[in-house]
Protein backbone atom coordinates (compact mmCIF):
# COMPACT_ATOMS: atom_id res chain seq x y z
CA MET A 1 10.14 -7.11 13.12
CA THR A 2 7.83 -8.54 15.76
CA ASP A 3 4.41 -7.11 16.60
CA THR A 4 5.96 -5.70 19.77
CA ASP A 5 8.66 -3.93 17.71
CA ASN A 6 5.98 -2.54 15.38
CA ALA A 7 3.98 -1.15 18.27
CA ALA A 8 7.08 0.37 19.85
CA ALA A 9 7.93 2.16 16.59
CA ARG A 10 4.60 4.02 16.51
CA PRO A 11 4.53 7.56 17.85
CA THR A 12 1.31 6.86 19.79
CA PRO A 13 -0.36 3.61 20.78
CA ALA A 14 -2.94 2.61 18.19
CA PRO A 15 -6.48 1.98 19.38
CA THR A 16 -7.54 -1.63 19.52
CA SER A 17 -10.35 -3.22 17.55
CA PRO A 18 -12.65 -6.04 18.58
CA LYS A 19 -12.13 -7.51 15.10
CA SER A 20 -9.30 -9.28 13.33
CA VAL A 21 -8.89 -9.28 9.57
CA GLY A 22 -6.91 -11.00 6.86
CA PHE A 23 -6.40 -10.12 3.22
CA VAL A 24 -6.79 -11.84 -0.15
CA GLU A 25 -4.73 -10.42 -3.01
CA LEU A 26 -6.72 -9.91 -6.18
CA SER A 27 -5.54 -11.24 -9.52
CA ARG A 28 -6.10 -9.45 -12.80
CA GLU A 29 -8.63 -12.16 -13.63
CA THR A 30 -10.62 -11.46 -10.46
CA MET A 31 -10.71 -7.72 -11.10
CA THR A 32 -11.69 -8.28 -14.74
CA ALA A 33 -14.52 -10.58 -13.64
CA LEU A 34 -15.72 -7.90 -11.20
CA LEU A 35 -15.66 -5.30 -13.98
CA ASN A 36 -17.79 -7.69 -16.06
CA HIS A 37 -20.29 -8.15 -13.20
CA ASP A 38 -19.27 -11.83 -12.97
CA LEU A 39 -19.50 -12.37 -9.20
CA ALA A 40 -19.40 -16.16 -9.48
CA GLY A 41 -16.22 -16.08 -11.56
CA ALA A 42 -14.60 -13.42 -9.37
CA SER A 43 -15.47 -15.36 -6.21
CA ARG A 44 -14.12 -18.59 -7.67
CA GLU A 45 -10.89 -16.87 -8.77
CA ALA A 46 -10.43 -15.08 -5.40
CA GLY A 47 -11.39 -18.11 -3.32
CA VAL A 48 -13.90 -16.10 -1.24
CA ALA A 49 -17.60 -15.29 -1.63
CA LEU A 50 -17.92 -11.77 -3.03
CA THR A 51 -21.19 -9.86 -2.96
CA GLU A 52 -22.91 -7.18 -5.04
CA PHE A 53 -20.94 -4.59 -3.03
CA PHE A 54 -17.91 -5.48 -5.16
CA VAL A 55 -19.64 -4.63 -8.43
CA THR A 56 -21.14 -1.27 -7.48
CA GLU A 57 -20.11 1.72 -9.58
CA ASP A 58 -17.63 2.88 -6.89
CA ALA A 59 -16.04 -0.55 -6.58
CA ARG A 60 -15.88 -1.12 -10.33
CA TRP A 61 -14.05 2.21 -10.69
CA VAL A 62 -11.44 0.87 -8.21
CA TRP A 63 -10.97 -2.38 -10.17
CA GLN A 64 -10.50 -0.53 -13.46
CA TYR A 65 -8.06 1.91 -11.88
CA ARG A 66 -6.04 -0.92 -10.31
CA LEU A 67 -5.97 -2.94 -13.54
CA ASP A 68 -4.64 0.12 -15.37
CA GLN A 69 -2.10 0.62 -12.59
CA LEU A 70 -0.92 -3.01 -12.83
CA ALA A 71 -0.60 -2.73 -16.60
CA ALA A 72 1.66 0.30 -16.17
CA ASN A 73 3.63 -1.11 -13.23
CA PRO A 74 3.28 -4.83 -12.36
CA ALA A 75 5.42 -4.27 -9.22
CA CYS A 76 2.37 -2.61 -7.60
CA ALA A 77 0.65 -5.99 -7.18
CA GLY A 78 1.56 -6.57 -3.55
CA TRP A 79 0.62 -3.04 -2.53
CA ILE A 80 -2.76 -2.33 -4.05
CA THR A 81 -6.36 -3.17 -3.18
CA GLN A 82 -7.10 -6.54 -1.59
CA ILE A 83 -10.23 -8.22 -0.27
CA VAL A 84 -10.66 -7.93 3.52
CA VAL A 85 -11.84 -11.07 5.32
CA ASP A 86 -12.96 -11.44 8.93
CA GLU A 87 -10.75 -13.79 10.91
CA PRO A 88 -11.48 -16.44 11.93
CA GLY A 89 -15.04 -16.31 10.51
CA GLY A 90 -14.07 -15.92 6.85
CA ASP A 91 -16.78 -13.40 5.96
CA VAL A 92 -15.75 -10.89 3.28
CA VAL A 93 -16.09 -7.49 4.96
CA GLY A 94 -14.59 -5.03 2.46
CA TYR A 95 -11.59 -4.07 0.38
CA ALA A 96 -8.48 -2.11 1.25
CA GLY A 97 -4.99 -1.38 0.07
CA PHE A 98 -2.31 1.16 -0.46
CA HIS A 99 -2.60 3.28 -3.60
CA GLY A 100 0.78 1.88 -4.64
CA PRO A 101 4.29 1.23 -3.34
CA PRO A 102 6.10 3.94 -1.35
CA ASP A 103 6.86 7.09 -3.30
CA GLY A 104 10.28 8.79 -3.33
CA ALA A 105 9.60 10.32 0.09
CA GLY A 106 8.60 6.95 1.58
CA MET A 107 4.89 7.80 1.70
CA VAL A 108 2.07 5.29 1.14
CA GLU A 109 -1.59 6.21 1.03
CA LEU A 110 -4.26 3.86 2.34
CA GLY A 111 -7.76 3.47 0.97
CA TYR A 112 -10.45 1.17 2.32
CA SER A 113 -14.17 0.47 2.12
CA VAL A 114 -16.24 -1.72 4.44
CA VAL A 115 -19.34 -3.60 3.24
CA PRO A 116 -22.37 -1.69 4.63
CA GLU A 117 -23.70 -4.58 6.76
CA HIS A 118 -20.28 -4.85 8.47
CA ARG A 119 -19.84 -1.14 9.24
CA ARG A 120 -19.65 0.24 12.79
CA GLN A 121 -18.32 -3.09 14.10
CA GLY A 122 -14.59 -2.33 14.26
CA TYR A 123 -13.51 -3.60 10.84
CA ALA A 124 -12.23 -0.24 9.58
CA ARG A 125 -10.11 0.12 12.71
CA ALA A 126 -8.82 -3.44 12.25
CA ILE A 127 -7.95 -2.65 8.60
CA LEU A 128 -6.15 0.54 9.62
CA THR A 129 -4.22 -1.32 12.33
CA ALA A 130 -3.16 -4.09 9.91
CA PHE A 131 -1.98 -1.63 7.27
CA LEU A 132 -0.19 0.48 9.86
CA ASP A 133 1.63 -2.67 11.00
CA ARG A 134 2.54 -3.43 7.37
CA ALA A 135 3.78 0.13 6.79
CA THR A 136 5.84 0.01 9.96
CA ALA A 137 7.43 -3.28 8.90
CA GLU A 138 8.44 -1.96 5.47
CA PRO A 139 11.89 -0.28 5.55
CA LEU A 140 11.05 2.03 2.63
CA VAL A 141 7.90 3.43 4.26
CA ARG A 142 8.31 6.53 6.39
CA LYS A 143 4.81 8.01 6.28
CA LEU A 144 1.22 6.74 6.06
CA ARG A 145 -1.41 8.99 4.49
CA VAL A 146 -5.19 8.88 4.46
CA THR A 147 -7.52 11.35 2.78
CA ILE A 148 -11.08 11.74 4.03
CA ARG A 149 -14.03 13.85 2.92
CA PRO A 150 -14.97 16.32 5.68
CA ASP A 151 -18.50 14.87 5.84
CA ASN A 152 -17.26 11.29 6.37
CA THR A 153 -17.59 11.31 10.15
CA ALA A 154 -17.19 7.53 10.42
CA SER A 155 -13.74 7.58 8.77
CA LEU A 156 -12.71 10.65 10.75
CA ALA A 157 -13.67 8.78 13.94
CA THR A 158 -11.82 5.65 12.75
CA ILE A 159 -8.46 7.43 12.45
CA SER A 160 -8.80 9.34 15.72
CA GLY A 161 -6.47 8.01 18.36
CA PHE A 162 -3.93 6.68 15.84
CA GLY A 163 -1.85 9.86 15.90
CA PHE A 164 -2.65 11.12 12.40
CA GLU A 165 -2.13 14.84 11.90
CA LYS A 166 -4.03 17.03 9.46
CA VAL A 167 -1.48 18.32 6.94
CA GLY A 168 -3.76 19.99 4.43
CA GLU A 169 -6.63 19.60 2.00
CA GLN A 170 -6.95 18.54 -1.60
CA TRP A 171 -9.53 18.27 -4.34
CA ASP A 172 -10.23 14.77 -5.64
CA GLU A 173 -12.02 14.49 -8.98
CA ARG A 174 -14.21 11.63 -7.67
CA ASP A 175 -14.69 12.54 -4.01
CA GLY A 176 -14.42 16.34 -4.03
CA ARG A 177 -12.81 18.11 -1.08
CA GLU A 178 -10.69 15.86 1.14
CA ILE A 179 -8.72 16.43 4.29
CA VAL A 180 -5.18 15.00 4.13
CA PHE A 181 -3.86 13.26 7.25
CA GLU A 182 -0.40 11.79 7.72
CA LEU A 183 1.33 9.66 10.30
CA PRO A 184 5.10 9.04 10.50
CA VAL A 185 5.89 5.33 10.79
C-alpha cells in the first residue's frame, strides 16, 4: 500500500505534525541492559544514545513487561515497544509500540511516551501518525485503540482530530481510570 492508499483508507484525515520519526526495534539484550541501569550497554546495543528517561521506574516496568511478553510469545517482537528517533536529526525522543500483535478481532493498542524535553513539539502526533499508517497497512488490523487517563490533557489533545471515538472506560492497575478510544482502520 502506498502512503496515498493509507490516507485514503482512514475515515478522517489525520492531522499533520511538524516532526518526522523513525523507530529502532529493541533486542532482549537492550531491554535487559535498561533493566540493569546500564545505559552505555543499552545504547551500544540499540545503536542510539539513550538517556536516563529510559531507566526511570515507569520505563523499567515497560522493559520488564515486554521481556516477559517476548518470553511467552517471541512473535510479538515486531509489534512491541521501540525507540522513537527524530528524523533526520537522530535524537532519541521517546518510546512507542503496540501492546502486541492484532487480537482475534483485529485490534491493536498503541502506547507511547515522549522524553520530557521533547514534549509539546509534535512528536506524539508524529508517533501516532506513523503507527496509524502501520496499522492501516497491516491486513489483520481492523481497529486501533488508545487508552488515556482523564487528566492527561496532552494525550487527549494529541488524538483529537484523528477520528478516535470514546468507547468506554477501564481500570488499569498502574494508571488507574482510563478512557478507551478506538479508531477503525
